[in-house]
N, C-alpha and C. Protein backbone atom coordinates (compact mmCIF):
# COMPACT_ATOMS: atom_id res chain seq x y z
N GLN A 1 0.85 -1.19 0.00
CA GLN A 1 0.00 0.00 0.00
C GLN A 1 0.89 1.24 0.00
N VAL A 2 0.72 2.06 -1.02
CA VAL A 2 1.50 3.28 -1.15
C VAL A 2 0.72 4.45 -0.58
N SER A 3 1.39 5.27 0.19
CA SER A 3 0.77 6.51 0.65
C SER A 3 1.78 7.64 0.52
N LEU A 4 1.28 8.80 0.13
CA LEU A 4 2.11 9.98 -0.05
C LEU A 4 1.54 11.13 0.78
N GLU A 5 2.40 11.89 1.41
CA GLU A 5 1.95 13.04 2.18
C GLU A 5 2.88 14.21 1.93
N GLU A 6 2.33 15.25 1.29
CA GLU A 6 3.11 16.46 1.01
C GLU A 6 2.99 17.46 2.15
N SER A 7 4.01 18.28 2.26
CA SER A 7 4.00 19.38 3.22
C SER A 7 4.98 20.44 2.73
N GLY A 8 4.96 21.58 3.41
CA GLY A 8 5.94 22.62 3.11
C GLY A 8 5.40 23.79 2.33
N GLY A 9 4.15 23.68 1.87
CA GLY A 9 3.58 24.80 1.14
C GLY A 9 3.27 25.96 2.08
N GLY A 10 2.89 27.07 1.48
CA GLY A 10 2.55 28.24 2.29
C GLY A 10 2.51 29.48 1.44
N SER A 11 2.45 30.61 2.11
CA SER A 11 2.43 31.90 1.43
C SER A 11 3.79 32.55 1.57
N VAL A 12 4.27 33.10 0.48
CA VAL A 12 5.59 33.71 0.48
C VAL A 12 5.60 34.88 -0.50
N GLN A 13 6.43 35.83 -0.25
CA GLN A 13 6.56 36.97 -1.17
C GLN A 13 7.43 36.59 -2.35
N ALA A 14 7.19 37.26 -3.45
CA ALA A 14 8.00 37.03 -4.64
C ALA A 14 9.48 37.19 -4.31
N GLY A 15 10.27 36.28 -4.84
CA GLY A 15 11.70 36.28 -4.55
C GLY A 15 12.08 35.38 -3.39
N GLY A 16 11.07 34.91 -2.66
CA GLY A 16 11.33 34.05 -1.52
C GLY A 16 11.51 32.59 -1.90
N SER A 17 11.65 31.75 -0.88
CA SER A 17 11.91 30.33 -1.07
C SER A 17 10.99 29.47 -0.23
N LEU A 18 10.74 28.28 -0.71
CA LEU A 18 10.02 27.25 0.05
C LEU A 18 10.64 25.91 -0.31
N ARG A 19 10.53 24.96 0.62
CA ARG A 19 10.92 23.58 0.32
C ARG A 19 9.74 22.66 0.59
N LEU A 20 9.31 22.00 -0.46
CA LEU A 20 8.23 21.04 -0.34
C LEU A 20 8.80 19.67 -0.02
N SER A 21 8.06 18.91 0.76
CA SER A 21 8.45 17.54 1.11
C SER A 21 7.31 16.59 0.77
N CYS A 22 7.67 15.39 0.39
CA CYS A 22 6.68 14.35 0.11
C CYS A 22 7.19 13.07 0.75
N VAL A 23 6.57 12.67 1.85
CA VAL A 23 6.95 11.43 2.52
C VAL A 23 6.19 10.28 1.87
N ALA A 24 6.92 9.31 1.39
CA ALA A 24 6.32 8.20 0.65
C ALA A 24 6.47 6.91 1.43
N SER A 25 5.36 6.27 1.71
CA SER A 25 5.37 4.98 2.39
C SER A 25 5.06 3.88 1.40
N GLY A 26 5.71 2.73 1.57
CA GLY A 26 5.44 1.61 0.70
C GLY A 26 6.11 1.69 -0.66
N ILE A 27 7.16 2.50 -0.75
CA ILE A 27 7.86 2.69 -2.03
C ILE A 27 9.35 2.44 -1.87
N ASP A 28 9.90 1.65 -2.79
CA ASP A 28 11.34 1.48 -2.89
C ASP A 28 11.82 2.52 -3.91
N PHE A 29 12.46 3.57 -3.42
CA PHE A 29 12.81 4.70 -4.28
C PHE A 29 13.64 4.26 -5.49
N GLY A 30 14.44 3.24 -5.33
CA GLY A 30 15.29 2.80 -6.42
C GLY A 30 14.54 2.17 -7.58
N LYS A 31 13.27 1.88 -7.38
CA LYS A 31 12.46 1.23 -8.42
C LYS A 31 11.37 2.15 -8.95
N TYR A 32 11.51 3.44 -8.68
CA TYR A 32 10.50 4.40 -9.10
C TYR A 32 11.13 5.62 -9.77
N CYS A 33 10.37 6.20 -10.66
CA CYS A 33 10.61 7.57 -11.07
C CYS A 33 9.61 8.43 -10.31
N MET A 34 9.99 9.64 -10.02
CA MET A 34 9.16 10.49 -9.17
C MET A 34 9.23 11.92 -9.67
N GLY A 35 8.26 12.70 -9.27
CA GLY A 35 8.25 14.06 -9.75
C GLY A 35 7.26 14.94 -9.01
N TRP A 36 7.24 16.18 -9.42
CA TRP A 36 6.30 17.17 -8.89
C TRP A 36 5.51 17.76 -10.04
N PHE A 37 4.23 17.88 -9.84
CA PHE A 37 3.33 18.56 -10.76
C PHE A 37 2.74 19.75 -10.01
N ARG A 38 2.19 20.67 -10.77
CA ARG A 38 1.44 21.76 -10.15
C ARG A 38 0.22 22.09 -10.99
N GLN A 39 -0.78 22.62 -10.31
CA GLN A 39 -1.99 23.05 -11.00
C GLN A 39 -2.45 24.38 -10.43
N ALA A 40 -2.40 25.38 -11.25
CA ALA A 40 -2.89 26.70 -10.86
C ALA A 40 -4.38 26.78 -11.15
N SER A 41 -5.05 27.68 -10.46
CA SER A 41 -6.49 27.83 -10.63
C SER A 41 -6.82 28.12 -12.08
N GLY A 42 -7.72 27.32 -12.65
CA GLY A 42 -8.16 27.53 -14.01
C GLY A 42 -7.20 27.03 -15.07
N LYS A 43 -6.15 26.35 -14.66
CA LYS A 43 -5.17 25.86 -15.62
C LYS A 43 -5.02 24.34 -15.50
N TRP A 44 -4.47 23.74 -16.56
CA TRP A 44 -4.23 22.30 -16.55
C TRP A 44 -3.00 21.99 -15.71
N ARG A 45 -2.94 20.76 -15.22
CA ARG A 45 -1.76 20.31 -14.49
C ARG A 45 -0.54 20.36 -15.39
N GLU A 46 0.59 20.74 -14.80
CA GLU A 46 1.82 20.74 -15.57
C GLU A 46 2.94 20.12 -14.75
N PRO A 47 3.83 19.36 -15.42
CA PRO A 47 4.97 18.80 -14.70
C PRO A 47 5.98 19.90 -14.41
N VAL A 48 6.59 19.79 -13.26
CA VAL A 48 7.55 20.79 -12.82
C VAL A 48 8.96 20.21 -12.81
N ALA A 49 9.11 19.00 -12.26
CA ALA A 49 10.42 18.38 -12.14
C ALA A 49 10.26 16.87 -12.02
N GLY A 50 11.28 16.15 -12.45
CA GLY A 50 11.26 14.70 -12.36
C GLY A 50 12.62 14.18 -11.92
N LEU A 51 12.61 12.99 -11.34
CA LEU A 51 13.85 12.39 -10.81
C LEU A 51 13.78 10.88 -10.98
N SER A 52 14.85 10.30 -11.51
CA SER A 52 14.95 8.86 -11.58
C SER A 52 15.53 8.34 -10.27
N GLY A 53 14.75 7.53 -9.56
CA GLY A 53 15.24 7.00 -8.29
C GLY A 53 16.40 6.05 -8.45
N ALA A 54 16.48 5.37 -9.59
CA ALA A 54 17.55 4.40 -9.81
C ALA A 54 18.85 5.06 -10.22
N VAL A 55 18.75 6.11 -11.04
CA VAL A 55 19.96 6.69 -11.63
C VAL A 55 20.30 8.04 -11.03
N GLY A 56 19.28 8.77 -10.60
CA GLY A 56 19.50 10.10 -10.04
C GLY A 56 19.41 11.22 -11.05
N THR A 57 19.11 10.89 -12.29
CA THR A 57 18.95 11.90 -13.33
C THR A 57 17.73 12.76 -13.04
N THR A 58 17.82 14.03 -13.38
CA THR A 58 16.71 14.95 -13.14
C THR A 58 16.23 15.59 -14.43
N TRP A 59 15.02 16.13 -14.36
CA TRP A 59 14.40 16.86 -15.47
C TRP A 59 13.65 18.04 -14.87
N TYR A 60 13.67 19.18 -15.57
CA TYR A 60 12.95 20.36 -15.11
C TYR A 60 12.20 21.00 -16.26
N ALA A 61 11.04 21.54 -15.95
CA ALA A 61 10.33 22.37 -16.90
C ALA A 61 11.14 23.65 -17.13
N ASP A 62 11.08 24.17 -18.34
CA ASP A 62 11.85 25.39 -18.66
C ASP A 62 11.52 26.53 -17.70
N SER A 63 10.28 26.59 -17.27
CA SER A 63 9.84 27.71 -16.44
C SER A 63 10.48 27.72 -15.05
N VAL A 64 11.05 26.59 -14.62
CA VAL A 64 11.62 26.53 -13.27
C VAL A 64 13.11 26.23 -13.26
N LYS A 65 13.69 25.99 -14.44
CA LYS A 65 15.13 25.67 -14.49
C LYS A 65 15.95 26.78 -13.85
N GLY A 66 16.89 26.36 -13.02
CA GLY A 66 17.76 27.31 -12.35
C GLY A 66 17.18 27.86 -11.06
N ARG A 67 15.90 27.60 -10.82
CA ARG A 67 15.25 28.10 -9.61
C ARG A 67 14.81 26.97 -8.69
N PHE A 68 14.38 25.85 -9.24
CA PHE A 68 13.87 24.72 -8.47
C PHE A 68 14.88 23.57 -8.53
N THR A 69 14.93 22.80 -7.44
CA THR A 69 15.78 21.62 -7.40
C THR A 69 15.01 20.46 -6.78
N ILE A 70 14.96 19.35 -7.51
CA ILE A 70 14.31 18.15 -7.01
C ILE A 70 15.39 17.23 -6.44
N SER A 71 15.07 16.59 -5.32
CA SER A 71 16.02 15.67 -4.70
C SER A 71 15.24 14.66 -3.86
N ALA A 72 15.95 13.64 -3.44
CA ALA A 72 15.32 12.61 -2.61
C ALA A 72 16.28 12.13 -1.54
N ASP A 73 15.74 11.83 -0.39
CA ASP A 73 16.51 11.22 0.69
C ASP A 73 15.89 9.85 0.93
N LYS A 74 16.54 8.83 0.39
CA LYS A 74 15.98 7.48 0.47
C LYS A 74 15.91 6.99 1.91
N SER A 75 16.83 7.43 2.75
CA SER A 75 16.83 6.98 4.14
C SER A 75 15.61 7.50 4.90
N LYS A 76 15.05 8.61 4.40
CA LYS A 76 13.86 9.20 5.03
C LYS A 76 12.61 8.97 4.19
N ASN A 77 12.76 8.24 3.08
CA ASN A 77 11.62 8.01 2.17
C ASN A 77 10.94 9.32 1.80
N THR A 78 11.73 10.32 1.51
CA THR A 78 11.18 11.65 1.26
C THR A 78 11.71 12.25 -0.03
N LEU A 79 10.78 12.81 -0.79
CA LEU A 79 11.09 13.55 -2.01
C LEU A 79 10.96 15.03 -1.69
N TYR A 80 11.87 15.84 -2.22
CA TYR A 80 11.86 17.27 -1.95
C TYR A 80 11.77 18.08 -3.23
N LEU A 81 11.29 19.30 -3.08
CA LEU A 81 11.37 20.29 -4.15
C LEU A 81 11.77 21.61 -3.50
N GLN A 82 13.01 22.00 -3.71
CA GLN A 82 13.50 23.29 -3.22
C GLN A 82 13.15 24.33 -4.25
N MET A 83 12.41 25.35 -3.85
CA MET A 83 11.95 26.38 -4.76
C MET A 83 12.52 27.72 -4.33
N ASN A 84 13.34 28.30 -5.16
CA ASN A 84 13.95 29.60 -4.89
C ASN A 84 13.47 30.62 -5.91
N SER A 85 13.68 31.88 -5.59
CA SER A 85 13.29 32.98 -6.50
C SER A 85 11.86 32.80 -6.98
N LEU A 86 10.96 32.56 -6.06
CA LEU A 86 9.57 32.29 -6.42
C LEU A 86 8.93 33.51 -7.07
N GLN A 87 8.07 33.22 -8.03
CA GLN A 87 7.38 34.25 -8.80
C GLN A 87 5.87 34.06 -8.66
N ASP A 88 5.13 35.11 -8.97
CA ASP A 88 3.67 35.03 -8.87
C ASP A 88 3.12 33.81 -9.62
N GLU A 89 3.71 33.55 -10.80
CA GLU A 89 3.19 32.46 -11.64
C GLU A 89 3.50 31.08 -11.09
N ASP A 90 4.25 31.00 -9.99
CA ASP A 90 4.48 29.72 -9.34
C ASP A 90 3.34 29.35 -8.39
N THR A 91 2.42 30.26 -8.19
CA THR A 91 1.28 29.99 -7.33
C THR A 91 0.46 28.84 -7.89
N ALA A 92 0.27 27.79 -7.09
CA ALA A 92 -0.43 26.59 -7.54
C ALA A 92 -0.52 25.59 -6.41
N MET A 93 -1.31 24.54 -6.64
CA MET A 93 -1.28 23.37 -5.78
C MET A 93 -0.21 22.44 -6.35
N TYR A 94 0.68 22.00 -5.49
CA TYR A 94 1.78 21.15 -5.91
C TYR A 94 1.54 19.72 -5.42
N HIS A 95 1.72 18.76 -6.34
CA HIS A 95 1.51 17.36 -6.03
C HIS A 95 2.78 16.57 -6.33
N CYS A 96 3.10 15.61 -5.48
CA CYS A 96 4.17 14.68 -5.80
C CYS A 96 3.55 13.46 -6.46
N VAL A 97 4.34 12.80 -7.30
CA VAL A 97 3.86 11.63 -8.03
C VAL A 97 4.99 10.62 -8.14
N PHE A 98 4.63 9.35 -8.01
CA PHE A 98 5.58 8.26 -8.15
C PHE A 98 5.04 7.27 -9.17
N VAL A 99 5.92 6.80 -10.06
CA VAL A 99 5.55 5.78 -11.03
C VAL A 99 6.61 4.69 -11.01
N PRO A 100 6.20 3.41 -11.02
CA PRO A 100 7.20 2.33 -11.05
C PRO A 100 7.99 2.41 -12.35
N SER A 101 9.29 2.39 -12.24
CA SER A 101 10.12 2.46 -13.44
C SER A 101 11.57 2.21 -13.06
N SER A 102 12.29 1.56 -13.95
CA SER A 102 13.73 1.38 -13.76
C SER A 102 14.46 2.33 -14.69
N GLY A 103 15.70 2.63 -14.37
CA GLY A 103 16.47 3.51 -15.22
C GLY A 103 15.95 4.94 -15.21
N ASP A 104 16.26 5.67 -16.27
CA ASP A 104 15.82 7.07 -16.33
C ASP A 104 15.11 7.41 -17.63
N LEU A 105 14.72 6.38 -18.40
CA LEU A 105 13.96 6.67 -19.63
C LEU A 105 12.64 7.35 -19.32
N CYS A 106 12.13 7.15 -18.12
CA CYS A 106 10.86 7.77 -17.71
C CYS A 106 10.92 9.29 -17.84
N LEU A 107 12.13 9.86 -17.72
CA LEU A 107 12.25 11.31 -17.73
C LEU A 107 12.07 11.90 -19.13
N ARG A 108 11.95 11.04 -20.14
CA ARG A 108 11.66 11.55 -21.49
C ARG A 108 10.22 12.01 -21.60
N ASP A 109 9.39 11.62 -20.65
CA ASP A 109 7.97 11.98 -20.70
C ASP A 109 7.44 12.13 -19.28
N VAL A 110 7.92 13.15 -18.59
CA VAL A 110 7.47 13.38 -17.22
C VAL A 110 5.98 13.73 -17.21
N ALA A 111 5.54 14.46 -18.21
CA ALA A 111 4.13 14.82 -18.28
C ALA A 111 3.26 13.57 -18.31
N GLY A 112 3.79 12.50 -18.89
CA GLY A 112 3.03 11.26 -19.00
C GLY A 112 2.84 10.53 -17.68
N PHE A 113 3.58 10.93 -16.64
CA PHE A 113 3.40 10.30 -15.32
C PHE A 113 1.93 10.35 -14.90
N TYR A 114 1.30 11.48 -15.20
CA TYR A 114 -0.07 11.69 -14.74
C TYR A 114 -1.03 10.66 -15.33
N PHE A 115 -0.73 10.18 -16.51
CA PHE A 115 -1.67 9.30 -17.21
C PHE A 115 -1.38 7.82 -16.98
N ARG A 116 -0.36 7.50 -16.22
CA ARG A 116 -0.04 6.11 -15.96
C ARG A 116 -0.98 5.55 -14.91
N PRO A 117 -1.62 4.41 -15.21
CA PRO A 117 -2.54 3.79 -14.24
C PRO A 117 -1.84 3.41 -12.94
N SER A 118 -0.52 3.17 -13.02
CA SER A 118 0.21 2.71 -11.85
C SER A 118 0.71 3.84 -10.97
N LYS A 119 0.38 5.07 -11.32
CA LYS A 119 0.92 6.19 -10.57
C LYS A 119 0.36 6.25 -9.15
N SER A 120 1.15 6.83 -8.26
CA SER A 120 0.70 7.21 -6.92
C SER A 120 0.78 8.72 -6.86
N TRP A 121 -0.28 9.34 -6.39
CA TRP A 121 -0.47 10.79 -6.50
C TRP A 121 -0.82 11.36 -5.14
N GLY A 122 -0.09 12.36 -4.72
CA GLY A 122 -0.36 12.95 -3.41
C GLY A 122 -1.52 13.93 -3.44
N GLN A 123 -2.01 14.29 -2.26
CA GLN A 123 -3.16 15.20 -2.14
C GLN A 123 -2.80 16.64 -2.47
N GLY A 124 -1.54 16.99 -2.32
CA GLY A 124 -1.11 18.32 -2.71
C GLY A 124 -0.86 19.26 -1.54
N THR A 125 -0.04 20.26 -1.81
CA THR A 125 0.23 21.33 -0.85
C THR A 125 0.22 22.65 -1.61
N GLN A 126 -0.47 23.63 -1.05
CA GLN A 126 -0.68 24.90 -1.74
C GLN A 126 0.50 25.84 -1.57
N VAL A 127 0.93 26.41 -2.68
CA VAL A 127 1.97 27.44 -2.67
C VAL A 127 1.36 28.71 -3.22
N THR A 128 1.46 29.79 -2.47
CA THR A 128 0.93 31.07 -2.90
C THR A 128 2.04 32.11 -2.83
N VAL A 129 2.31 32.74 -3.97
CA VAL A 129 3.37 33.74 -4.07
C VAL A 129 2.72 35.09 -4.35
N SER A 130 3.06 36.07 -3.56
CA SER A 130 2.49 37.40 -3.75
C SER A 130 3.61 38.41 -3.95
N SER A 131 3.30 39.41 -4.77
CA SER A 131 4.31 40.44 -5.06
C SER A 131 3.97 41.73 -4.33
């Protein structure tokens, strides 16, 4: 049984930082690809970052490159998203997602994580950025 619990969201001024956490139970990180999605009000879900648990390779959406960093601590069963230089357009509900996968080919289609029947999807944590 897989369970995911996100935390770390909140309200922050533009230019500030937040670190999101996703504690994953029932998952062997080395056998999964994982990532963060976000959904702003009135907009479709979009992938933000991805990470291969087996290889450690990462992927980022162009809109967050250089500002966000995805990482994992396998000893704590936790996935992180460090968000720096936050902008108004980063305001959204952020969800962590895990999909069973070996290697890092999964990162060729991070957006496709959402459509995989085998995905595990967290409830989300709200990030609000104000200028």
